């Protein structure tokens, strides 16, 4: 019978036991999970920084937009004055137009809010699941065969 070289360890050391192999695998797996968590933390930290910068830029844009809106309102007012409307009337017309736009925007927002589902399907699904669990528990309490 011929034995191959791979059947016998060449260095004279015994093969590791099953327990050693399992311990090594668990250690490697836990190290891998730790590295994955560290990588996720680094990626999340970078994403949070990007979101913070984007939020700050959005706030600056909104502030500048408000300033431009005020300037446009003054331009419209003085344009109305140039057309021959009294100054106070021109300011009232522009202010009324602003209030009208606010009212329209608020009305649209209210209509959209009314259409929110309020998680109706989720609540129904959870209630159905709980009802099935209670039904199963009630079925477990009753004997399978009743005594006569």
C-alpha atoms as a PDB file:
ATOM      1  CA  UNK A   1       0.000   0.000   0.000  1.00  0.00           C
ATOM      2  CA  UNK A   2       1.394   3.354  -1.049  1.00  0.00           C
ATOM      3  CA  UNK A   3       1.030   6.391   1.200  1.00  0.00           C
ATOM      4  CA  UNK A   4       1.055   9.855  -0.241  1.00  0.00           C
ATOM      5  CA  UNK A   5       3.093  12.715   1.131  1.00  0.00           C
ATOM      6  CA  UNK A   6      -0.029  14.716   2.107  1.00  0.00           C
ATOM      7  CA  UNK A   7      -1.374  12.041   4.388  1.00  0.00           C
ATOM      8  CA  UNK A   8       1.394  12.570   6.940  1.00  0.00           C
ATOM      9  CA  UNK A   9       2.339  15.978   8.351  1.00  0.00           C
ATOM     10  CA  UNK A  10       5.840  16.864   7.190  1.00  0.00           C
ATOM     11  CA  UNK A  11       6.819  18.910  10.223  1.00  0.00           C
ATOM     12  CA  UNK A  12       6.040  16.168  12.678  1.00  0.00           C
ATOM     13  CA  UNK A  13       3.308  18.187  14.443  1.00  0.00           C
ATOM     14  CA  UNK A  14      -0.072  16.654  15.134  1.00  0.00           C
ATOM     15  CA  UNK A  15      -3.168  17.875  13.244  1.00  0.00           C
ATOM     16  CA  UNK A  16      -5.159  20.518  15.135  1.00  0.00           C
ATOM     17  CA  UNK A  17      -8.168  19.170  16.943  1.00  0.00           C
ATOM     18  CA  UNK A  18     -11.750  19.931  15.958  1.00  0.00           C
ATOM     19  CA  UNK A  19     -12.102  22.236  18.973  1.00  0.00           C
ATOM     20  CA  UNK A  20      -9.046  24.226  17.903  1.00  0.00           C
ATOM     21  CA  UNK A  21     -10.419  24.570  14.370  1.00  0.00           C
ATOM     22  CA  UNK A  22     -13.827  25.724  15.649  1.00  0.00           C
ATOM     23  CA  UNK A  23     -12.198  28.221  18.017  1.00  0.00           C
ATOM     24  CA  UNK A  24     -10.067  29.552  15.176  1.00  0.00           C
ATOM     25  CA  UNK A  25     -13.119  29.862  12.904  1.00  0.00           C
ATOM     26  CA  UNK A  26     -15.111  31.695  15.610  1.00  0.00           C
ATOM     27  CA  UNK A  27     -12.185  34.053  16.237  1.00  0.00           C
ATOM     28  CA  UNK A  28     -11.840  34.778  12.517  1.00  0.00           C
ATOM     29  CA  UNK A  29     -15.575  35.299  12.159  1.00  0.00           C
ATOM     30  CA  UNK A  30     -15.751  37.682  15.123  1.00  0.00           C
ATOM     31  CA  UNK A  31     -12.774  39.628  13.733  1.00  0.00           C
ATOM     32  CA  UNK A  32     -14.495  39.852  10.358  1.00  0.00           C
ATOM     33  CA  UNK A  33     -17.708  41.134  11.969  1.00  0.00           C
ATOM     34  CA  UNK A  34     -15.705  43.698  13.956  1.00  0.00           C
ATOM     35  CA  UNK A  35     -14.000  44.944  10.794  1.00  0.00           C
ATOM     36  CA  UNK A  36     -17.336  45.165   8.981  1.00  0.00           C
ATOM     37  CA  UNK A  37     -18.808  47.209  11.842  1.00  0.00           C
ATOM     38  CA  UNK A  38     -15.784  49.531  11.821  1.00  0.00           C
ATOM     39  CA  UNK A  39     -16.154  49.989   8.060  1.00  0.00           C
ATOM     40  CA  UNK A  40     -19.871  50.749   8.458  1.00  0.00           C
ATOM     41  CA  UNK A  41     -19.080  53.332  11.157  1.00  0.00           C
ATOM     42  CA  UNK A  42     -16.556  55.056   8.911  1.00  0.00           C
ATOM     43  CA  UNK A  43     -18.974  55.143   5.984  1.00  0.00           C
ATOM     44  CA  UNK A  44     -21.796  56.392   8.201  1.00  0.00           C
ATOM     45  CA  UNK A  45     -19.602  59.123   9.657  1.00  0.00           C
ATOM     46  CA  UNK A  46     -18.700  60.317   6.155  1.00  0.00           C
ATOM     47  CA  UNK A  47     -22.364  60.269   5.120  1.00  0.00           C
ATOM     48  CA  UNK A  48     -23.372  62.274   8.203  1.00  0.00           C
ATOM     49  CA  UNK A  49     -20.731  64.887   7.368  1.00  0.00           C
ATOM     50  CA  UNK A  50     -22.058  65.127   3.806  1.00  0.00           C
ATOM     51  CA  UNK A  51     -25.638  65.429   5.069  1.00  0.00           C
ATOM     52  CA  UNK A  52     -24.618  68.151   7.525  1.00  0.00           C
ATOM     53  CA  UNK A  53     -22.909  70.130   4.802  1.00  0.00           C
ATOM     54  CA  UNK A  54     -25.891  69.680   2.471  1.00  0.00           C
ATOM     55  CA  UNK A  55     -28.271  70.823   5.226  1.00  0.00           C
ATOM     56  CA  UNK A  56     -26.164  73.908   5.907  1.00  0.00           C
ATOM     57  CA  UNK A  57     -26.067  74.783   2.210  1.00  0.00           C
ATOM     58  CA  UNK A  58     -29.830  74.288   1.982  1.00  0.00           C
ATOM     59  CA  UNK A  59     -30.332  76.650   4.942  1.00  0.00           C
ATOM     60  CA  UNK A  60     -28.104  79.286   3.316  1.00  0.00           C
ATOM     61  CA  UNK A  61     -30.039  78.898   0.069  1.00  0.00           C
ATOM     62  CA  UNK A  62     -33.370  79.278   1.876  1.00  0.00           C
ATOM     63  CA  UNK A  63     -32.145  82.414   3.667  1.00  0.00           C
ATOM     64  CA  UNK A  64     -30.908  84.003   0.432  1.00  0.00           C
ATOM     65  CA  UNK A  65     -34.179  82.979  -1.247  1.00  0.00           C
ATOM     66  CA  UNK A  66     -36.137  84.825   1.442  1.00  0.00           C
ATOM     67  CA  UNK A  67     -34.010  87.932   0.926  1.00  0.00           C
ATOM     68  CA  UNK A  68     -34.603  87.778  -2.831  1.00  0.00           C
ATOM     69  CA  UNK A  69     -38.346  87.362  -2.242  1.00  0.00           C
ATOM     70  CA  UNK A  70     -38.422  90.508  -0.098  1.00  0.00           C
ATOM     71  CA  UNK A  71     -36.512  92.445  -2.756  1.00  0.00           C
ATOM     72  CA  UNK A  72     -38.899  91.209  -5.465  1.00  0.00           C
ATOM     73  CA  UNK A  73     -41.866  92.307  -3.361  1.00  0.00           C
ATOM     74  CA  UNK A  74     -40.361  95.814  -3.063  1.00  0.00           C
ATOM     75  CA  UNK A  75     -39.708  95.835  -6.811  1.00  0.00           C
ATOM     76  CA  UNK A  76     -43.316  94.851  -7.509  1.00  0.00           C
ATOM     77  CA  UNK A  77     -44.585  97.497  -5.107  1.00  0.00           C
ATOM     78  CA  UNK A  78     -42.557 100.272  -6.679  1.00  0.00           C
ATOM     79  CA  UNK A  79     -43.548  99.009 -10.120  1.00  0.00           C
ATOM     80  CA  UNK A  80     -47.199  99.440  -9.119  1.00  0.00           C
ATOM     81  CA  UNK A  81     -46.412 102.943  -7.810  1.00  0.00           C
ATOM     82  CA  UNK A  82     -44.840 103.757 -11.176  1.00  0.00           C
ATOM     83  CA  UNK A  83     -48.095 102.690 -12.859  1.00  0.00           C
ATOM     84  CA  UNK A  84     -49.920 105.376 -10.851  1.00  0.00           C
ATOM     85  CA  UNK A  85     -51.199 103.424  -7.820  1.00  0.00           C
ATOM     86  CA  UNK A  86     -50.839 105.120  -4.444  1.00  0.00           C
ATOM     87  CA  UNK A  87     -47.860 103.895  -2.449  1.00  0.00           C
ATOM     88  CA  UNK A  88     -49.911 102.560   0.458  1.00  0.00           C
ATOM     89  CA  UNK A  89     -52.264 100.781  -1.949  1.00  0.00           C
ATOM     90  CA  UNK A  90     -49.350  99.204  -3.807  1.00  0.00           C
ATOM     91  CA  UNK A  91     -47.900  97.848  -0.541  1.00  0.00           C
ATOM     92  CA  UNK A  92     -51.340  96.485   0.443  1.00  0.00           C
ATOM     93  CA  UNK A  93     -51.770  94.783  -2.934  1.00  0.00           C
ATOM     94  CA  UNK A  94     -48.367  93.077  -2.668  1.00  0.00           C
ATOM     95  CA  UNK A  95     -49.003  92.075   0.966  1.00  0.00           C
ATOM     96  CA  UNK A  96     -52.447  90.716   0.011  1.00  0.00           C
ATOM     97  CA  UNK A  97     -50.894  88.684  -2.811  1.00  0.00           C
ATOM     98  CA  UNK A  98     -48.365  87.276  -0.305  1.00  0.00           C
ATOM     99  CA  UNK A  99     -51.125  86.337   2.149  1.00  0.00           C
ATOM    100  CA  UNK A 100     -53.107  84.735  -0.694  1.00  0.00           C
ATOM    101  CA  UNK A 101     -50.081  82.611  -1.698  1.00  0.00           C
ATOM    102  CA  UNK A 102     -49.579  81.556   1.935  1.00  0.00           C
ATOM    103  CA  UNK A 103     -53.258  80.572   2.161  1.00  0.00           C
ATOM    104  CA  UNK A 104     -53.081  78.509  -1.033  1.00  0.00           C
ATOM    105  CA  UNK A 105     -49.919  76.739   0.143  1.00  0.00           C
ATOM    106  CA  UNK A 106     -51.486  76.002   3.560  1.00  0.00           C
ATOM    107  CA  UNK A 107     -54.665  74.681   1.904  1.00  0.00           C
ATOM    108  CA  UNK A 108     -52.686  72.328  -0.328  1.00  0.00           C
ATOM    109  CA  UNK A 109     -50.668  71.138   2.683  1.00  0.00           C
ATOM    110  CA  UNK A 110     -53.877  70.432   4.646  1.00  0.00           C
ATOM    111  CA  UNK A 111     -55.369  68.486   1.741  1.00  0.00           C
ATOM    112  CA  UNK A 112     -52.205  66.383   1.500  1.00  0.00           C
ATOM    113  CA  UNK A 113     -52.228  65.746   5.248  1.00  0.00           C
ATOM    114  CA  UNK A 114     -55.826  64.526   5.133  1.00  0.00           C
ATOM    115  CA  UNK A 115     -54.832  61.876   2.619  1.00  0.00           C
ATOM    116  CA  UNK A 116     -52.238  60.347   4.968  1.00  0.00           C
ATOM    117  CA  UNK A 117     -53.072  56.745   5.728  1.00  0.00           C
ATOM    118  CA  UNK A 118     -51.925  56.819   9.336  1.00  0.00           C
ATOM    119  CA  UNK A 119     -50.456  53.319   8.894  1.00  0.00           C
ATOM    120  CA  UNK A 120     -53.925  51.784   8.553  1.00  0.00           C
ATOM    121  CA  UNK A 121     -52.679  48.694   6.725  1.00  0.00           C
ATOM    122  CA  UNK A 122     -49.869  48.165   9.225  1.00  0.00           C
ATOM    123  CA  UNK A 123     -52.228  48.492  12.186  1.00  0.00           C
ATOM    124  CA  UNK A 124     -54.691  46.068  10.582  1.00  0.00           C
ATOM    125  CA  UNK A 125     -51.910  43.573   9.863  1.00  0.00           C
ATOM    126  CA  UNK A 126     -50.630  43.758  13.441  1.00  0.00           C
ATOM    127  CA  UNK A 127     -54.143  43.405  14.842  1.00  0.00           C
ATOM    128  CA  UNK A 128     -54.801  40.410  12.586  1.00  0.00           C
ATOM    129  CA  UNK A 129     -51.536  38.823  13.720  1.00  0.00           C
ATOM    130  CA  UNK A 130     -52.417  39.379  17.369  1.00  0.00           C
ATOM    131  CA  UNK A 131     -55.896  37.976  16.788  1.00  0.00           C
ATOM    132  CA  UNK A 132     -54.394  34.839  15.242  1.00  0.00           C
ATOM    133  CA  UNK A 133     -52.038  34.470  18.202  1.00  0.00           C
ATOM    134  CA  UNK A 134     -54.928  34.816  20.658  1.00  0.00           C
ATOM    135  CA  UNK A 135     -56.938  32.336  18.599  1.00  0.00           C
ATOM    136  CA  UNK A 136     -54.049  29.833  18.685  1.00  0.00           C
ATOM    137  CA  UNK A 137     -53.675  30.270  22.455  1.00  0.00           C
ATOM    138  CA  UNK A 138     -57.416  29.720  22.929  1.00  0.00           C
ATOM    139  CA  UNK A 139     -57.215  26.576  20.784  1.00  0.00           C
ATOM    140  CA  UNK A 140     -54.334  25.282  22.927  1.00  0.00           C
ATOM    141  CA  UNK A 141     -56.391  25.735  26.110  1.00  0.00           C
ATOM    142  CA  UNK A 142     -59.315  23.632  24.886  1.00  0.00           C
ATOM    143  CA  UNK A 143     -58.860  19.872  25.029  1.00  0.00           C
ATOM    144  CA  UNK A 144     -58.619  18.093  21.697  1.00  0.00           C
ATOM    145  CA  UNK A 145     -61.095  15.397  22.725  1.00  0.00           C
ATOM    146  CA  UNK A 146     -63.886  16.284  25.103  1.00  0.00           C
ATOM    147  CA  UNK A 147     -65.036  13.791  27.734  1.00  0.00           C
ATOM    148  CA  UNK A 148     -68.658  12.653  27.442  1.00  0.00           C
END
